[in-house]
Amino acid sequence: MHIVYDENGNPIAHGHDHGEGHHHHHDHDHAGCSPEACADGCTGCGADKTAALLDYMLKHNEHHAAELDQLADKLRADGKDAAADQIKKAVDEFNKGNLYLSLALATVKEQ
């Protein structure tokens, strides 16, 4: 687990990838997608289901933050600056929350 920074200098938690079954794409739904399924089927996270669950949730949040960031860019391109600004603020908060989740994950893995 390490921390990278976005284009605004905000910390973003970044960890390992679970593999093909856990890549999210921009056009997706969440049918069959659950943290419990990830934790139960995860082989790359070790035996600790709590760590697997946190890892899943962190990646899920990172993905949605990225989607929201793209949406804000589209809104700004359409001249909807006020909405874009609010979404960018939300993304900043997502990233802060994700940092705390990554720290929690690192702590769980150390124990």
C-alpha atoms as a PDB file:
ATOM      1  CA  MET A   1       0.000   0.000   0.000  1.00  0.00           C
ATOM      2  CA  HIS A   2       1.313   3.393  -0.912  1.00  0.00           C
ATOM      3  CA  ILE A   3      -0.061   6.860  -1.381  1.00  0.00           C
ATOM      4  CA  VAL A   4      -0.073   8.696  -4.687  1.00  0.00           C
ATOM      5  CA  TYR A   5      -1.283  12.200  -5.386  1.00  0.00           C
ATOM      6  CA  ASP A   6      -3.823  13.449  -7.905  1.00  0.00           C
ATOM      7  CA  GLU A   7      -3.343  16.452 -10.215  1.00  0.00           C
ATOM      8  CA  ASN A   8      -4.433  18.768  -7.385  1.00  0.00           C
ATOM      9  CA  GLY A   9      -1.916  17.381  -4.903  1.00  0.00           C
ATOM     10  CA  ASN A  10      -4.551  15.443  -2.947  1.00  0.00           C
ATOM     11  CA  PRO A  11      -3.429  12.125  -1.463  1.00  0.00           C
ATOM     12  CA  ILE A  12      -5.011   9.044  -2.990  1.00  0.00           C
ATOM     13  CA  ALA A  13      -4.609   5.657  -1.359  1.00  0.00           C
ATOM     14  CA  HIS A  14      -3.374   3.076  -3.845  1.00  0.00           C
ATOM     15  CA  GLY A  15      -2.898  -0.612  -3.253  1.00  0.00           C
ATOM     16  CA  HIS A  16      -2.493  -3.851  -5.150  1.00  0.00           C
ATOM     17  CA  ASP A  17      -4.937  -5.130  -7.731  1.00  0.00           C
ATOM     18  CA  HIS A  18      -7.085  -8.204  -7.127  1.00  0.00           C
ATOM     19  CA  GLY A  19      -6.964  -9.267 -10.765  1.00  0.00           C
ATOM     20  CA  GLU A  20      -9.271  -9.329 -13.744  1.00  0.00           C
ATOM     21  CA  GLY A  21     -12.425  -9.961 -11.741  1.00  0.00           C
ATOM     22  CA  HIS A  22     -12.052  -6.711  -9.857  1.00  0.00           C
ATOM     23  CA  HIS A  23     -11.231  -4.182 -12.555  1.00  0.00           C
ATOM     24  CA  HIS A  24     -13.945  -1.608 -12.842  1.00  0.00           C
ATOM     25  CA  HIS A  25     -14.673   0.144 -16.070  1.00  0.00           C
ATOM     26  CA  HIS A  26     -16.493   3.391 -16.646  1.00  0.00           C
ATOM     27  CA  ASP A  27     -19.576   1.651 -18.050  1.00  0.00           C
ATOM     28  CA  HIS A  28     -20.480  -0.913 -15.455  1.00  0.00           C
ATOM     29  CA  ASP A  29     -23.176  -1.993 -13.101  1.00  0.00           C
ATOM     30  CA  HIS A  30     -22.847  -3.517  -9.691  1.00  0.00           C
ATOM     31  CA  ALA A  31     -24.854  -6.684 -10.291  1.00  0.00           C
ATOM     32  CA  GLY A  32     -23.101  -9.441  -8.390  1.00  0.00           C
ATOM     33  CA  CYS A  33     -20.555  -6.965  -7.063  1.00  0.00           C
ATOM     34  CA  SER A  34     -20.337  -7.026  -3.298  1.00  0.00           C
ATOM     35  CA  PRO A  35     -17.608  -6.601  -0.730  1.00  0.00           C
ATOM     36  CA  GLU A  36     -18.522  -9.940   0.807  1.00  0.00           C
ATOM     37  CA  ALA A  37     -18.118 -11.717  -2.527  1.00  0.00           C
ATOM     38  CA  CYS A  38     -14.756 -10.058  -2.972  1.00  0.00           C
ATOM     39  CA  ALA A  39     -13.595 -10.972   0.517  1.00  0.00           C
ATOM     40  CA  ASP A  40     -14.804 -14.559   0.169  1.00  0.00           C
ATOM     41  CA  GLY A  41     -13.175 -15.045  -3.224  1.00  0.00           C
ATOM     42  CA  CYS A  42     -10.056 -12.966  -2.720  1.00  0.00           C
ATOM     43  CA  THR A  43      -6.798 -14.877  -2.926  1.00  0.00           C
ATOM     44  CA  GLY A  44      -4.421 -11.913  -3.279  1.00  0.00           C
ATOM     45  CA  CYS A  45      -5.259 -10.337   0.070  1.00  0.00           C
ATOM     46  CA  GLY A  46      -4.246 -13.113   2.434  1.00  0.00           C
ATOM     47  CA  ALA A  47      -6.488 -14.899   4.885  1.00  0.00           C
ATOM     48  CA  ASP A  48      -7.719 -11.793   6.636  1.00  0.00           C
ATOM     49  CA  LYS A  49     -11.237 -11.091   5.387  1.00  0.00           C
ATOM     50  CA  THR A  50     -11.300  -7.731   7.162  1.00  0.00           C
ATOM     51  CA  ALA A  51      -8.273  -6.587   5.175  1.00  0.00           C
ATOM     52  CA  ALA A  52      -9.827  -7.970   1.984  1.00  0.00           C
ATOM     53  CA  LEU A  53     -13.072  -6.138   2.696  1.00  0.00           C
ATOM     54  CA  LEU A  54     -11.297  -2.853   3.417  1.00  0.00           C
ATOM     55  CA  ASP A  55      -9.163  -3.270   0.307  1.00  0.00           C
ATOM     56  CA  TYR A  56     -12.257  -3.888  -1.810  1.00  0.00           C
ATOM     57  CA  MET A  57     -14.110  -0.898  -0.382  1.00  0.00           C
ATOM     58  CA  LEU A  58     -11.096   1.356  -0.844  1.00  0.00           C
ATOM     59  CA  LYS A  59     -10.717   0.413  -4.503  1.00  0.00           C
ATOM     60  CA  HIS A  60     -14.445   0.781  -5.027  1.00  0.00           C
ATOM     61  CA  ASN A  61     -14.360   4.294  -3.544  1.00  0.00           C
ATOM     62  CA  GLU A  62     -11.308   5.222  -5.628  1.00  0.00           C
ATOM     63  CA  HIS A  63     -13.132   4.108  -8.751  1.00  0.00           C
ATOM     64  CA  HIS A  64     -16.201   6.179  -7.961  1.00  0.00           C
ATOM     65  CA  ALA A  65     -14.102   9.214  -7.096  1.00  0.00           C
ATOM     66  CA  ALA A  66     -12.459   8.921 -10.514  1.00  0.00           C
ATOM     67  CA  GLU A  67     -15.859   8.620 -12.211  1.00  0.00           C
ATOM     68  CA  LEU A  68     -17.122  11.701 -10.386  1.00  0.00           C
ATOM     69  CA  ASP A  69     -13.979  13.600 -11.339  1.00  0.00           C
ATOM     70  CA  GLN A  70     -14.627  12.780 -15.007  1.00  0.00           C
ATOM     71  CA  LEU A  71     -18.246  13.864 -14.641  1.00  0.00           C
ATOM     72  CA  ALA A  72     -17.116  17.187 -13.186  1.00  0.00           C
ATOM     73  CA  ASP A  73     -14.797  17.686 -16.162  1.00  0.00           C
ATOM     74  CA  LYS A  74     -17.685  17.035 -18.564  1.00  0.00           C
ATOM     75  CA  LEU A  75     -19.926  19.454 -16.688  1.00  0.00           C
ATOM     76  CA  ARG A  76     -17.223  22.119 -16.773  1.00  0.00           C
ATOM     77  CA  ALA A  77     -16.832  21.586 -20.524  1.00  0.00           C
ATOM     78  CA  ASP A  78     -20.601  22.124 -20.828  1.00  0.00           C
ATOM     79  CA  GLY A  79     -20.318  25.426 -18.966  1.00  0.00           C
ATOM     80  CA  LYS A  80     -21.806  24.111 -15.723  1.00  0.00           C
ATOM     81  CA  ASP A  81     -19.000  25.379 -13.526  1.00  0.00           C
ATOM     82  CA  ALA A  82     -20.978  25.603 -10.280  1.00  0.00           C
ATOM     83  CA  ALA A  83     -21.990  21.940 -10.458  1.00  0.00           C
ATOM     84  CA  ALA A  84     -18.464  20.938 -11.482  1.00  0.00           C
ATOM     85  CA  ASP A  85     -17.014  22.831  -8.527  1.00  0.00           C
ATOM     86  CA  GLN A  86     -19.299  21.014  -6.088  1.00  0.00           C
ATOM     87  CA  ILE A  87     -18.422  17.622  -7.543  1.00  0.00           C
ATOM     88  CA  LYS A  88     -14.703  18.434  -7.378  1.00  0.00           C
ATOM     89  CA  LYS A  89     -15.171  19.268  -3.679  1.00  0.00           C
ATOM     90  CA  ALA A  90     -16.924  15.932  -3.200  1.00  0.00           C
ATOM     91  CA  VAL A  91     -14.046  14.158  -4.958  1.00  0.00           C
ATOM     92  CA  ASP A  92     -11.586  15.877  -2.617  1.00  0.00           C
ATOM     93  CA  GLU A  93     -13.581  14.527   0.330  1.00  0.00           C
ATOM     94  CA  PHE A  94     -13.700  11.035  -1.217  1.00  0.00           C
ATOM     95  CA  ASN A  95      -9.919  11.181  -1.557  1.00  0.00           C
ATOM     96  CA  LYS A  96      -9.494  12.255   2.065  1.00  0.00           C
ATOM     97  CA  GLY A  97     -11.751   9.432   3.206  1.00  0.00           C
ATOM     98  CA  ASN A  98      -9.841   7.002   1.019  1.00  0.00           C
ATOM     99  CA  LEU A  99      -6.610   8.086   2.651  1.00  0.00           C
ATOM    100  CA  TYR A 100      -8.053   7.212   6.060  1.00  0.00           C
ATOM    101  CA  LEU A 101      -9.289   3.872   4.713  1.00  0.00           C
ATOM    102  CA  SER A 102      -5.822   3.108   3.336  1.00  0.00           C
ATOM    103  CA  LEU A 103      -4.282   3.896   6.709  1.00  0.00           C
ATOM    104  CA  ALA A 104      -6.839   1.651   8.413  1.00  0.00           C
ATOM    105  CA  LEU A 105      -6.035  -1.100   5.914  1.00  0.00           C
ATOM    106  CA  ALA A 106      -2.315  -0.783   6.551  1.00  0.00           C
ATOM    107  CA  THR A 107      -2.967  -0.981  10.297  1.00  0.00           C
ATOM    108  CA  VAL A 108      -5.153  -4.090   9.933  1.00  0.00           C
ATOM    109  CA  LYS A 109      -2.495  -5.769   7.790  1.00  0.00           C
ATOM    110  CA  GLU A 110       0.198  -5.026  10.410  1.00  0.00           C
ATOM    111  CA  GLN A 111      -1.721  -6.752  13.190  1.00  0.00           C
END
